[in-house]
N, C-alpha and C. Protein backbone atom coordinates (compact mmCIF):
# COMPACT_ATOMS: atom_id res chain seq x y z
N MET A 1 124.10 43.12 -54.34
CA MET A 1 123.12 43.94 -53.56
C MET A 1 122.53 44.95 -54.45
N SER A 2 121.25 45.08 -54.40
CA SER A 2 120.55 46.07 -55.17
C SER A 2 121.06 47.47 -54.99
N PHE A 3 121.18 48.28 -56.05
CA PHE A 3 121.61 49.65 -55.96
C PHE A 3 120.46 50.48 -55.22
N GLY A 4 119.25 50.07 -55.54
CA GLY A 4 118.09 50.76 -54.91
C GLY A 4 116.76 50.22 -55.42
N LYS A 5 115.67 50.75 -54.91
CA LYS A 5 114.37 50.38 -55.35
C LYS A 5 113.67 51.48 -56.12
N LEU A 6 113.21 51.09 -57.24
CA LEU A 6 112.35 52.11 -58.09
C LEU A 6 110.91 51.63 -58.09
N PHE A 7 110.12 52.59 -57.58
CA PHE A 7 108.64 52.42 -57.47
C PHE A 7 107.92 53.07 -58.71
N GLY A 8 107.32 52.17 -59.54
CA GLY A 8 106.70 52.58 -60.71
C GLY A 8 106.25 51.32 -61.52
N PHE A 9 106.13 51.46 -62.77
CA PHE A 9 105.81 50.18 -63.53
C PHE A 9 106.29 50.51 -65.03
N GLU A 10 106.68 49.36 -65.65
CA GLU A 10 107.13 49.35 -66.97
C GLU A 10 105.96 49.84 -67.91
N GLY A 11 106.19 50.74 -68.77
CA GLY A 11 105.22 51.31 -69.65
C GLY A 11 104.94 52.70 -69.25
N ASN A 12 105.11 53.03 -67.95
CA ASN A 12 104.94 54.42 -67.49
C ASN A 12 106.07 55.26 -67.98
N VAL A 13 105.78 56.36 -68.62
CA VAL A 13 106.86 57.05 -69.29
C VAL A 13 108.01 57.52 -68.43
N ARG A 14 107.54 58.07 -67.22
CA ARG A 14 108.64 58.50 -66.32
C ARG A 14 109.39 57.39 -65.62
N THR A 15 108.77 56.22 -65.50
CA THR A 15 109.47 55.03 -64.97
C THR A 15 110.44 54.54 -66.12
N ASN A 16 109.95 54.42 -67.34
CA ASN A 16 110.78 53.93 -68.38
C ASN A 16 112.17 54.61 -68.43
N VAL A 17 112.13 56.01 -68.26
CA VAL A 17 113.36 56.72 -68.36
C VAL A 17 114.40 56.25 -67.39
N GLN A 18 113.91 55.88 -66.18
CA GLN A 18 114.82 55.49 -65.08
C GLN A 18 115.42 54.08 -65.41
N LEU A 19 114.57 53.21 -66.06
CA LEU A 19 114.96 51.86 -66.40
C LEU A 19 116.05 51.88 -67.47
N VAL A 20 115.96 52.80 -68.45
CA VAL A 20 116.89 52.90 -69.44
C VAL A 20 118.25 53.41 -68.96
N ILE A 21 118.14 54.39 -68.04
CA ILE A 21 119.42 54.95 -67.47
C ILE A 21 120.15 53.82 -66.58
N ALA A 22 119.34 53.15 -65.85
CA ALA A 22 119.90 52.11 -64.98
C ALA A 22 120.50 51.00 -65.80
N LYS A 23 119.89 50.62 -66.91
CA LYS A 23 120.50 49.60 -67.86
C LYS A 23 121.80 50.15 -68.42
N ALA A 24 121.83 51.40 -68.85
CA ALA A 24 123.01 51.97 -69.49
C ALA A 24 124.13 52.02 -68.54
N ASN A 25 123.83 52.22 -67.28
CA ASN A 25 124.99 52.39 -66.27
C ASN A 25 125.16 51.05 -65.46
N ASN A 26 124.56 49.96 -65.92
CA ASN A 26 124.78 48.69 -65.28
C ASN A 26 124.41 48.76 -63.79
N LEU A 27 123.32 49.37 -63.50
CA LEU A 27 122.86 49.56 -62.04
C LEU A 27 121.85 48.60 -61.83
N ASP A 28 122.05 47.76 -60.76
CA ASP A 28 121.03 46.77 -60.32
C ASP A 28 119.88 47.37 -59.55
N VAL A 29 118.84 47.87 -60.25
CA VAL A 29 117.73 48.59 -59.66
C VAL A 29 116.47 47.55 -59.60
N GLU A 30 115.97 47.44 -58.43
CA GLU A 30 114.76 46.55 -58.23
C GLU A 30 113.55 47.42 -58.53
N LEU A 31 112.75 46.96 -59.57
CA LEU A 31 111.52 47.69 -59.79
C LEU A 31 110.40 47.12 -58.90
N VAL A 32 109.77 47.98 -58.10
CA VAL A 32 108.70 47.58 -57.31
C VAL A 32 107.37 48.16 -57.95
N VAL A 33 106.62 47.30 -58.57
CA VAL A 33 105.41 47.67 -59.31
C VAL A 33 104.44 48.51 -58.48
N THR A 34 104.24 49.73 -58.87
CA THR A 34 103.43 50.56 -58.11
C THR A 34 102.58 51.45 -59.09
N GLN A 35 101.29 51.57 -58.79
CA GLN A 35 100.45 52.39 -59.60
C GLN A 35 100.34 53.81 -59.05
N PRO A 36 100.26 54.85 -59.93
CA PRO A 36 99.97 56.18 -59.39
C PRO A 36 98.67 56.28 -58.64
N ARG A 37 98.60 57.11 -57.62
CA ARG A 37 97.47 57.39 -56.81
C ARG A 37 97.12 56.11 -56.03
N THR A 38 98.12 55.27 -55.72
CA THR A 38 97.83 54.18 -54.85
C THR A 38 97.51 54.58 -53.51
N LYS A 39 96.67 53.83 -52.79
CA LYS A 39 96.26 54.12 -51.37
C LYS A 39 97.16 53.44 -50.47
N ASP A 40 98.11 52.62 -50.84
CA ASP A 40 99.02 51.91 -50.05
C ASP A 40 99.69 52.81 -48.97
N PRO A 41 99.37 52.58 -47.65
CA PRO A 41 99.96 53.55 -46.68
C PRO A 41 101.43 53.51 -46.59
N GLU A 42 102.12 52.29 -46.89
CA GLU A 42 103.55 52.29 -46.86
C GLU A 42 104.16 53.17 -47.93
N TYR A 43 103.47 53.17 -49.14
CA TYR A 43 104.01 54.03 -50.25
C TYR A 43 103.73 55.47 -49.88
N LEU A 44 102.65 55.74 -49.29
CA LEU A 44 102.33 57.10 -49.00
C LEU A 44 103.28 57.73 -48.04
N LYS A 45 103.90 56.84 -47.21
CA LYS A 45 104.94 57.47 -46.35
C LYS A 45 106.18 57.86 -47.17
N LEU A 46 106.32 57.30 -48.30
CA LEU A 46 107.47 57.61 -49.14
C LEU A 46 107.13 58.81 -50.04
N ASN A 47 105.94 58.84 -50.54
CA ASN A 47 105.51 59.85 -51.48
C ASN A 47 104.01 60.21 -51.11
N HIS A 48 103.91 61.28 -50.42
CA HIS A 48 102.55 61.58 -49.94
C HIS A 48 101.63 61.99 -51.05
N LEU A 49 102.10 62.34 -52.16
CA LEU A 49 101.24 62.65 -53.33
C LEU A 49 100.82 61.48 -54.12
N ALA A 50 101.44 60.28 -53.72
CA ALA A 50 101.14 59.01 -54.40
C ALA A 50 101.49 59.06 -55.89
N LYS A 51 102.50 59.84 -56.19
CA LYS A 51 102.98 59.88 -57.62
C LYS A 51 104.03 58.84 -57.89
N ILE A 52 104.28 58.60 -59.15
CA ILE A 52 105.38 57.69 -59.50
C ILE A 52 106.30 58.43 -60.56
N PRO A 53 107.59 58.13 -60.60
CA PRO A 53 108.26 57.13 -59.80
C PRO A 53 108.75 57.77 -58.49
N THR A 54 109.21 56.88 -57.57
CA THR A 54 109.98 57.21 -56.46
C THR A 54 111.15 56.24 -56.36
N PHE A 55 112.27 56.75 -55.81
CA PHE A 55 113.49 55.88 -55.75
C PHE A 55 113.99 55.85 -54.37
N ILE A 56 114.36 54.70 -53.82
CA ILE A 56 115.02 54.60 -52.56
C ILE A 56 116.42 54.00 -52.81
N THR A 57 117.41 54.79 -52.35
CA THR A 57 118.81 54.20 -52.46
C THR A 57 119.04 53.05 -51.55
N ARG A 58 120.12 52.38 -51.73
CA ARG A 58 120.44 51.29 -50.77
C ARG A 58 120.72 51.80 -49.34
N ASP A 59 120.97 53.03 -49.21
CA ASP A 59 121.10 53.64 -47.91
C ASP A 59 119.81 54.25 -47.29
N GLY A 60 118.77 54.01 -48.01
CA GLY A 60 117.42 54.47 -47.51
C GLY A 60 117.11 55.87 -47.81
N VAL A 61 117.86 56.55 -48.64
CA VAL A 61 117.53 57.94 -49.04
C VAL A 61 116.45 57.86 -50.08
N VAL A 62 115.33 58.65 -49.91
CA VAL A 62 114.14 58.65 -50.71
C VAL A 62 114.31 59.83 -51.74
N ILE A 63 114.23 59.57 -53.05
CA ILE A 63 114.34 60.55 -54.01
C ILE A 63 112.96 60.59 -54.87
N LYS A 64 112.35 61.79 -54.91
CA LYS A 64 111.09 61.89 -55.64
C LYS A 64 111.27 62.78 -56.84
N GLU A 65 110.32 62.71 -57.75
CA GLU A 65 110.31 63.50 -59.00
C GLU A 65 111.30 62.84 -60.08
N ALA A 66 110.68 62.67 -61.24
CA ALA A 66 111.39 62.00 -62.33
C ALA A 66 112.70 62.57 -62.77
N ILE A 67 112.82 63.95 -62.80
CA ILE A 67 114.00 64.56 -63.24
C ILE A 67 115.12 64.22 -62.19
N SER A 68 114.80 64.49 -60.91
CA SER A 68 115.81 64.22 -59.85
C SER A 68 116.24 62.82 -59.83
N ILE A 69 115.39 61.81 -60.00
CA ILE A 69 115.77 60.45 -60.00
C ILE A 69 116.73 60.17 -61.22
N ALA A 70 116.25 60.63 -62.43
CA ALA A 70 117.05 60.46 -63.57
C ALA A 70 118.44 61.05 -63.48
N PHE A 71 118.61 62.20 -62.89
CA PHE A 71 119.86 62.85 -62.68
C PHE A 71 120.68 62.05 -61.73
N TYR A 72 120.07 61.53 -60.69
CA TYR A 72 120.78 60.75 -59.72
C TYR A 72 121.43 59.48 -60.28
N LEU A 73 120.55 58.76 -61.06
CA LEU A 73 120.98 57.50 -61.69
C LEU A 73 122.03 57.75 -62.74
N ALA A 74 121.90 58.70 -63.58
CA ALA A 74 122.86 59.00 -64.55
C ALA A 74 124.19 59.50 -64.01
N SER A 75 124.13 60.07 -62.88
CA SER A 75 125.39 60.69 -62.32
C SER A 75 126.30 59.64 -61.69
N GLN A 76 125.78 58.35 -61.49
CA GLN A 76 126.49 57.34 -60.80
C GLN A 76 127.78 56.99 -61.60
N GLN A 77 127.75 56.98 -62.97
CA GLN A 77 128.93 56.69 -63.69
C GLN A 77 129.19 57.72 -64.79
N ASN A 78 128.05 58.14 -65.40
CA ASN A 78 128.13 59.08 -66.51
C ASN A 78 129.10 58.66 -67.62
N LYS A 79 129.18 57.35 -67.75
CA LYS A 79 130.11 56.76 -68.73
C LYS A 79 129.73 57.14 -70.21
N GLU A 80 128.43 57.32 -70.41
CA GLU A 80 128.01 57.72 -71.74
C GLU A 80 128.02 59.24 -71.89
N LYS A 81 128.39 59.96 -70.87
CA LYS A 81 128.47 61.39 -70.82
C LYS A 81 127.11 62.01 -71.14
N TRP A 82 126.03 61.30 -70.58
CA TRP A 82 124.71 61.73 -70.82
C TRP A 82 124.35 62.99 -70.03
N LEU A 83 125.24 63.40 -69.05
CA LEU A 83 125.05 64.60 -68.29
C LEU A 83 125.83 65.76 -68.81
N GLY A 84 126.45 65.46 -69.99
CA GLY A 84 127.21 66.58 -70.62
C GLY A 84 128.62 66.72 -70.16
N GLU A 85 129.37 67.50 -70.86
CA GLU A 85 130.84 67.63 -70.70
C GLU A 85 131.18 69.00 -70.07
N SER A 86 130.23 69.75 -69.74
CA SER A 86 130.47 71.14 -69.22
C SER A 86 129.23 71.54 -68.48
N ILE A 87 129.47 72.58 -67.68
CA ILE A 87 128.28 73.11 -66.93
C ILE A 87 127.15 73.61 -67.84
N GLU A 88 127.70 74.25 -68.96
CA GLU A 88 126.67 74.79 -69.89
C GLU A 88 125.82 73.60 -70.61
N GLU A 89 126.47 72.56 -70.94
CA GLU A 89 125.82 71.42 -71.53
C GLU A 89 124.78 70.85 -70.41
N GLN A 90 125.26 70.69 -69.28
CA GLN A 90 124.44 70.11 -68.15
C GLN A 90 123.22 71.10 -67.93
N THR A 91 123.37 72.38 -67.98
CA THR A 91 122.28 73.29 -67.77
C THR A 91 121.21 73.10 -68.92
N PHE A 92 121.65 73.00 -70.04
CA PHE A 92 120.71 72.83 -71.23
C PHE A 92 119.98 71.37 -71.23
N ILE A 93 120.75 70.49 -70.71
CA ILE A 93 120.19 69.13 -70.54
C ILE A 93 118.99 69.24 -69.48
N LEU A 94 119.16 69.86 -68.41
CA LEU A 94 118.19 70.16 -67.43
C LEU A 94 116.99 70.89 -67.98
N GLN A 95 117.34 71.92 -68.80
CA GLN A 95 116.34 72.77 -69.39
C GLN A 95 115.41 72.00 -70.26
N TRP A 96 115.95 71.15 -71.14
CA TRP A 96 115.02 70.32 -72.00
C TRP A 96 114.24 69.20 -71.23
N MET A 97 114.83 68.73 -70.18
CA MET A 97 114.09 67.73 -69.30
C MET A 97 112.92 68.42 -68.73
N SER A 98 113.09 69.66 -68.19
CA SER A 98 112.07 70.39 -67.61
C SER A 98 110.98 70.79 -68.54
N TYR A 99 111.45 71.07 -69.80
CA TYR A 99 110.42 71.44 -70.79
C TYR A 99 109.57 70.23 -71.20
N ALA A 100 110.21 69.04 -71.25
CA ALA A 100 109.46 67.84 -71.60
C ALA A 100 108.54 67.52 -70.46
N ASN A 101 108.93 67.75 -69.20
CA ASN A 101 108.07 67.39 -68.09
C ASN A 101 106.84 68.39 -67.86
N THR A 102 107.03 69.62 -68.24
CA THR A 102 106.03 70.69 -67.85
C THR A 102 105.31 71.16 -69.13
N GLU A 103 105.96 71.23 -70.34
CA GLU A 103 105.34 71.76 -71.49
C GLU A 103 104.87 70.79 -72.55
N ILE A 104 105.52 69.61 -72.51
CA ILE A 104 105.16 68.54 -73.63
C ILE A 104 104.31 67.51 -73.02
N SER A 105 104.69 66.83 -71.97
CA SER A 105 103.92 65.75 -71.54
C SER A 105 102.42 66.02 -70.96
N PRO A 106 102.27 67.06 -70.16
CA PRO A 106 100.86 67.26 -69.66
C PRO A 106 99.85 67.60 -70.72
N PRO A 107 100.16 68.46 -71.71
CA PRO A 107 99.08 68.70 -72.71
C PRO A 107 98.89 67.44 -73.66
N ILE A 108 99.93 66.71 -73.90
CA ILE A 108 99.73 65.41 -74.72
C ILE A 108 98.82 64.50 -73.99
N ALA A 109 99.00 64.26 -72.67
CA ALA A 109 98.19 63.43 -71.94
C ALA A 109 96.82 63.97 -71.88
N ASP A 110 96.54 65.28 -71.73
CA ASP A 110 95.22 65.81 -71.65
C ASP A 110 94.57 65.90 -72.98
N TRP A 111 95.33 65.76 -74.07
CA TRP A 111 94.74 65.82 -75.39
C TRP A 111 94.28 64.31 -75.66
N TYR A 112 95.08 63.33 -75.44
CA TYR A 112 94.75 61.91 -76.01
C TYR A 112 93.91 61.15 -74.95
N ARG A 113 94.14 61.33 -73.70
CA ARG A 113 93.45 60.56 -72.73
C ARG A 113 91.92 60.60 -72.83
N PRO A 114 91.27 61.74 -73.04
CA PRO A 114 89.80 61.76 -73.12
C PRO A 114 89.37 61.09 -74.42
N LEU A 115 90.27 61.02 -75.42
CA LEU A 115 89.93 60.44 -76.65
C LEU A 115 89.83 58.89 -76.62
N VAL A 116 90.63 58.30 -75.70
CA VAL A 116 90.66 56.84 -75.58
C VAL A 116 89.91 56.34 -74.37
N GLY A 117 89.15 57.23 -73.69
CA GLY A 117 88.35 56.73 -72.58
C GLY A 117 89.06 56.69 -71.23
N LYS A 118 90.25 57.36 -71.13
CA LYS A 118 90.95 57.29 -69.96
C LYS A 118 90.72 58.53 -69.05
N ALA A 119 89.96 59.43 -69.53
CA ALA A 119 89.59 60.78 -68.74
C ALA A 119 88.26 61.19 -69.45
N PRO A 120 87.52 61.92 -68.61
CA PRO A 120 86.19 62.50 -69.12
C PRO A 120 86.46 63.39 -70.39
N TYR A 121 85.61 63.28 -71.34
CA TYR A 121 85.76 63.99 -72.52
C TYR A 121 85.07 65.41 -72.45
N ASP A 122 85.91 66.41 -72.71
CA ASP A 122 85.34 67.81 -72.83
C ASP A 122 86.01 68.44 -74.08
N GLU A 123 85.16 68.64 -75.04
CA GLU A 123 85.70 69.11 -76.34
C GLU A 123 86.50 70.27 -76.22
N GLU A 124 86.12 71.26 -75.42
CA GLU A 124 86.90 72.48 -75.40
C GLU A 124 88.30 72.25 -74.71
N LYS A 125 88.38 71.41 -73.73
CA LYS A 125 89.63 71.03 -73.10
C LYS A 125 90.55 70.31 -74.05
N VAL A 126 89.93 69.38 -74.80
CA VAL A 126 90.77 68.60 -75.78
C VAL A 126 91.30 69.48 -76.82
N LYS A 127 90.54 70.45 -77.34
CA LYS A 127 91.02 71.38 -78.32
C LYS A 127 92.07 72.24 -77.82
N ALA A 128 91.99 72.73 -76.45
CA ALA A 128 92.97 73.57 -75.93
C ALA A 128 94.27 72.85 -75.75
N ASN A 129 94.15 71.56 -75.36
CA ASN A 129 95.35 70.78 -75.11
C ASN A 129 96.09 70.40 -76.47
N ARG A 130 95.22 70.26 -77.53
CA ARG A 130 95.77 69.89 -78.76
C ARG A 130 96.60 71.19 -79.19
N ILE A 131 96.04 72.36 -79.12
CA ILE A 131 96.75 73.59 -79.45
C ILE A 131 98.02 73.74 -78.68
N ALA A 132 97.91 73.54 -77.37
CA ALA A 132 99.18 73.62 -76.47
C ALA A 132 100.20 72.67 -76.85
N THR A 133 99.84 71.46 -77.18
CA THR A 133 100.83 70.36 -77.55
C THR A 133 101.55 70.85 -78.90
N LEU A 134 100.78 71.21 -79.77
CA LEU A 134 101.31 71.58 -81.21
C LEU A 134 102.24 72.79 -81.00
N ARG A 135 101.81 73.76 -80.23
CA ARG A 135 102.69 74.82 -80.01
C ARG A 135 104.00 74.50 -79.35
N ALA A 136 103.94 73.69 -78.32
CA ALA A 136 105.15 73.30 -77.58
C ALA A 136 106.04 72.45 -78.43
N VAL A 137 105.51 71.53 -79.35
CA VAL A 137 106.33 70.69 -80.15
C VAL A 137 106.89 71.45 -81.31
N GLN A 138 106.24 72.60 -81.65
CA GLN A 138 106.81 73.38 -82.84
C GLN A 138 108.13 73.96 -82.40
N LEU A 139 108.27 74.36 -81.20
CA LEU A 139 109.60 74.87 -80.61
C LEU A 139 110.61 73.74 -80.73
N LEU A 140 110.24 72.58 -80.44
CA LEU A 140 111.14 71.42 -80.62
C LEU A 140 111.53 71.20 -82.02
N GLU A 141 110.60 71.31 -82.95
CA GLU A 141 110.82 71.14 -84.40
C GLU A 141 111.85 72.09 -84.85
N GLN A 142 111.68 73.37 -84.47
CA GLN A 142 112.61 74.42 -84.93
C GLN A 142 113.99 74.18 -84.39
N HIS A 143 114.05 73.74 -83.15
CA HIS A 143 115.40 73.54 -82.51
C HIS A 143 116.16 72.34 -83.17
N LEU A 144 115.41 71.35 -83.51
CA LEU A 144 116.01 70.08 -84.08
C LEU A 144 116.34 70.20 -85.62
N ALA A 145 115.80 71.27 -86.24
CA ALA A 145 115.91 71.36 -87.73
C ALA A 145 117.36 71.36 -88.14
N SER A 146 118.24 71.83 -87.26
CA SER A 146 119.71 71.87 -87.69
C SER A 146 120.63 71.07 -86.61
N ARG A 147 119.87 70.18 -85.93
CA ARG A 147 120.64 69.38 -84.92
C ARG A 147 120.24 67.93 -85.00
N LEU A 148 121.14 67.07 -84.58
CA LEU A 148 120.89 65.67 -84.50
C LEU A 148 120.24 65.30 -83.14
N TYR A 149 120.62 66.06 -82.06
CA TYR A 149 120.24 65.79 -80.68
C TYR A 149 119.91 67.02 -80.01
N LEU A 150 119.32 67.02 -78.89
CA LEU A 150 118.80 68.21 -78.23
C LEU A 150 119.92 69.15 -77.67
N VAL A 151 121.04 68.59 -77.26
CA VAL A 151 122.03 69.44 -76.55
C VAL A 151 123.27 69.37 -77.33
N ALA A 152 124.04 68.29 -77.23
CA ALA A 152 125.31 68.07 -77.88
C ALA A 152 125.05 67.23 -79.14
N GLU A 153 126.06 67.19 -79.97
CA GLU A 153 125.94 66.27 -81.15
C GLU A 153 126.15 64.81 -80.76
N ARG A 154 125.48 64.47 -79.71
CA ARG A 154 125.45 63.07 -79.28
C ARG A 154 124.31 62.89 -78.41
N LEU A 155 123.91 61.73 -78.07
CA LEU A 155 122.88 61.40 -77.12
C LEU A 155 123.12 61.83 -75.79
N THR A 156 122.16 62.45 -75.14
CA THR A 156 122.33 62.82 -73.67
C THR A 156 121.11 62.46 -72.90
N LEU A 157 121.07 62.70 -71.65
CA LEU A 157 119.90 62.45 -70.86
C LEU A 157 118.68 63.24 -71.30
N ALA A 158 118.94 64.36 -71.85
CA ALA A 158 117.78 65.15 -72.35
C ALA A 158 117.00 64.39 -73.44
N ASP A 159 117.70 63.74 -74.38
CA ASP A 159 117.10 63.07 -75.44
C ASP A 159 116.24 61.81 -74.87
N ILE A 160 116.88 61.09 -74.05
CA ILE A 160 116.20 59.86 -73.40
C ILE A 160 114.91 60.34 -72.74
N PHE A 161 115.04 61.40 -71.96
CA PHE A 161 113.86 61.83 -71.17
C PHE A 161 112.86 62.43 -72.00
N MET A 162 113.18 63.28 -73.00
CA MET A 162 112.22 63.89 -73.91
C MET A 162 111.54 62.77 -74.76
N ALA A 163 112.31 61.82 -75.27
CA ALA A 163 111.74 60.80 -76.08
C ALA A 163 110.75 59.95 -75.36
N SER A 164 110.94 59.69 -74.11
CA SER A 164 110.04 58.84 -73.37
C SER A 164 108.79 59.59 -73.12
N LEU A 165 108.83 60.89 -72.75
CA LEU A 165 107.62 61.66 -72.45
C LEU A 165 106.91 62.05 -73.68
N ILE A 166 107.56 62.27 -74.84
CA ILE A 166 106.85 62.66 -75.99
C ILE A 166 106.31 61.41 -76.71
N GLY A 167 106.83 60.25 -76.31
CA GLY A 167 106.31 58.98 -76.99
C GLY A 167 104.87 58.76 -76.99
N ARG A 168 104.18 59.29 -75.96
CA ARG A 168 102.73 59.11 -75.95
C ARG A 168 102.06 59.85 -77.10
N GLY A 169 102.67 60.97 -77.51
CA GLY A 169 102.22 61.62 -78.60
C GLY A 169 102.30 60.87 -79.91
N PHE A 170 103.54 60.21 -80.13
CA PHE A 170 103.80 59.41 -81.31
C PHE A 170 102.80 58.20 -81.30
N GLU A 171 102.51 57.66 -80.20
CA GLU A 171 101.58 56.44 -80.05
C GLU A 171 100.23 56.82 -80.32
N ASN A 172 99.78 58.03 -80.02
CA ASN A 172 98.33 58.28 -80.06
C ASN A 172 97.86 59.43 -81.01
N VAL A 173 98.61 60.44 -81.19
CA VAL A 173 98.09 61.58 -81.98
C VAL A 173 99.14 62.10 -83.04
N PHE A 174 100.41 61.77 -83.02
CA PHE A 174 101.29 62.32 -83.96
C PHE A 174 101.35 61.17 -85.13
N ASP A 175 100.29 61.31 -86.06
CA ASP A 175 100.08 60.33 -87.04
C ASP A 175 101.02 60.57 -88.24
N ALA A 176 100.80 59.76 -89.35
CA ALA A 176 101.61 59.79 -90.52
C ALA A 176 101.65 61.19 -91.04
N LYS A 177 100.61 61.93 -91.15
CA LYS A 177 100.45 63.15 -91.75
C LYS A 177 101.28 64.17 -90.84
N TRP A 178 101.11 64.08 -89.57
CA TRP A 178 101.85 65.03 -88.67
C TRP A 178 103.40 64.78 -88.75
N ARG A 179 103.76 63.58 -89.02
CA ARG A 179 105.13 63.25 -88.99
C ARG A 179 105.84 63.75 -90.33
N LEU A 180 105.04 63.82 -91.36
CA LEU A 180 105.50 64.38 -92.58
C LEU A 180 105.72 65.90 -92.40
N GLU A 181 104.86 66.52 -91.64
CA GLU A 181 104.92 67.98 -91.37
C GLU A 181 105.96 68.34 -90.34
N HIS A 182 106.44 67.39 -89.65
CA HIS A 182 107.49 67.61 -88.56
C HIS A 182 108.60 66.60 -88.74
N PRO A 183 109.32 66.83 -89.85
CA PRO A 183 110.42 65.86 -90.13
C PRO A 183 111.57 65.85 -89.19
N ALA A 184 111.86 66.98 -88.59
CA ALA A 184 113.10 66.99 -87.65
C ALA A 184 112.77 66.30 -86.40
N THR A 185 111.59 66.57 -85.86
CA THR A 185 111.22 65.89 -84.61
C THR A 185 111.08 64.42 -84.83
N THR A 186 110.56 64.02 -85.98
CA THR A 186 110.39 62.59 -86.26
C THR A 186 111.61 61.86 -86.44
N ARG A 187 112.64 62.54 -87.23
CA ARG A 187 113.92 61.90 -87.39
C ARG A 187 114.67 61.71 -86.08
N TRP A 188 114.52 62.71 -85.30
CA TRP A 188 115.15 62.75 -83.91
C TRP A 188 114.62 61.60 -83.12
N PHE A 189 113.29 61.47 -82.96
CA PHE A 189 112.62 60.42 -82.19
C PHE A 189 113.00 59.11 -82.71
N ASN A 190 112.94 58.91 -84.00
CA ASN A 190 113.45 57.55 -84.49
C ASN A 190 114.87 57.27 -84.14
N ARG A 191 115.69 58.34 -84.24
CA ARG A 191 117.08 58.06 -83.89
C ARG A 191 117.23 57.55 -82.46
N VAL A 192 116.56 58.27 -81.57
CA VAL A 192 116.67 57.90 -80.10
C VAL A 192 116.14 56.54 -79.88
N ILE A 193 114.97 56.16 -80.37
CA ILE A 193 114.40 54.86 -80.04
C ILE A 193 115.11 53.72 -80.78
N GLN A 194 115.98 54.04 -81.61
CA GLN A 194 116.82 52.97 -82.34
C GLN A 194 118.14 52.74 -81.62
N GLN A 195 118.36 53.58 -80.51
CA GLN A 195 119.66 53.36 -79.77
C GLN A 195 119.59 51.99 -79.09
N PRO A 196 120.64 51.22 -79.06
CA PRO A 196 120.60 49.98 -78.44
C PRO A 196 120.19 49.98 -77.03
N VAL A 197 120.60 50.96 -76.19
CA VAL A 197 120.27 51.06 -74.77
C VAL A 197 118.72 51.12 -74.65
N TRP A 198 118.11 51.95 -75.63
CA TRP A 198 116.57 52.02 -75.58
C TRP A 198 115.92 50.77 -75.90
N LYS A 199 116.42 50.12 -77.10
CA LYS A 199 115.73 48.95 -77.49
C LYS A 199 115.98 47.75 -76.57
N ASP A 200 117.08 47.72 -75.80
CA ASP A 200 117.35 46.69 -74.87
C ASP A 200 116.38 46.79 -73.65
N THR A 201 115.86 47.97 -73.41
CA THR A 201 115.06 48.21 -72.16
C THR A 201 113.54 48.29 -72.57
N ILE A 202 113.27 49.03 -73.58
CA ILE A 202 111.84 49.28 -73.95
C ILE A 202 111.60 48.45 -75.22
N LYS A 203 110.97 47.39 -75.13
CA LYS A 203 110.87 46.42 -76.26
C LYS A 203 109.86 46.87 -77.29
N ASN A 204 108.93 47.72 -76.97
CA ASN A 204 107.92 48.17 -77.99
C ASN A 204 107.65 49.77 -77.86
N THR A 205 107.96 50.33 -78.91
CA THR A 205 107.67 51.84 -79.00
C THR A 205 106.58 52.07 -80.04
N PRO A 206 105.31 52.00 -79.79
CA PRO A 206 104.27 52.16 -80.83
C PRO A 206 104.25 53.55 -81.43
N ILE A 207 103.97 53.57 -82.72
CA ILE A 207 103.81 54.79 -83.57
C ILE A 207 102.53 54.71 -84.37
N CYS A 208 101.59 55.60 -84.09
CA CYS A 208 100.33 55.39 -84.77
C CYS A 208 100.34 55.88 -86.21
N GLU A 209 99.44 55.36 -87.04
CA GLU A 209 99.31 55.73 -88.40
C GLU A 209 98.18 56.76 -88.53
N VAL A 210 97.18 56.54 -87.61
CA VAL A 210 96.05 57.52 -87.65
C VAL A 210 95.80 58.05 -86.21
N SER A 211 95.74 59.34 -86.00
CA SER A 211 95.54 59.85 -84.68
C SER A 211 94.26 59.51 -84.15
N VAL A 212 94.20 59.19 -82.79
CA VAL A 212 93.06 58.85 -82.15
C VAL A 212 92.01 60.04 -82.20
N ASP A 213 92.51 61.27 -82.38
CA ASP A 213 91.69 62.44 -82.54
C ASP A 213 90.94 62.31 -83.85
N THR A 214 91.60 62.04 -84.97
CA THR A 214 91.09 61.87 -86.24
C THR A 214 90.01 60.67 -86.25
N SER A 215 90.46 59.65 -85.65
CA SER A 215 89.55 58.40 -85.57
C SER A 215 88.21 58.76 -84.92
N ARG A 216 88.24 59.58 -83.86
CA ARG A 216 87.06 59.86 -83.13
C ARG A 216 86.15 60.81 -84.09
N GLN A 217 86.76 61.74 -84.64
CA GLN A 217 86.05 62.66 -85.57
C GLN A 217 85.38 61.96 -86.68
N ALA A 218 86.15 60.90 -87.17
CA ALA A 218 85.49 60.11 -88.29
C ALA A 218 84.25 59.29 -87.85
N ARG A 219 84.20 59.02 -86.57
CA ARG A 219 83.08 58.17 -86.05
C ARG A 219 81.88 59.00 -85.77
N LEU A 220 82.06 60.35 -85.73
CA LEU A 220 80.97 61.24 -85.30
C LEU A 220 80.08 61.50 -86.56
């Protein structure tokens, strides 16, 4: 019997997180392919904002928001101790997940999406989101300069969550030059995506050589 249904799609950064966790905990989760902003009335009953992912437990409990779903799935066994070994560790895990969700992912998306034709292009907004992204990631670079992982000296849910959400940056704008200038973040990202549980679930993690921002400027 399925542990529950996950509404989202492979390749979506917030859906990918849940798939990695489910795989690590041997949870039989059914993926129901769903696009964000769908007009499907049945899905809107579950999530009136039409966001993804959404999770329904086998008992019919509806869980929304990526952090909540990730925490729920990871807590089923916690065999990898991804939720930490103390309240303090757990608190910092949630802190970094929130940082990824609110300070890292949104400006990355609003930086690269207009450059690849997925959103209207506004030069000032692109510039503002470039600055916001670089500022947010600089804190990450400083934090990781003396650490292997975000919270404990081992992989936790914070690393999986952050790596998935920051992955769009590595795919589109964190090019070879940027990676040389941010060695700690780059080493950490490569360390996470080389984990067997990541590679078993996410078959391809693209990393750009040239930023789409640089490519666009070169064409002008």
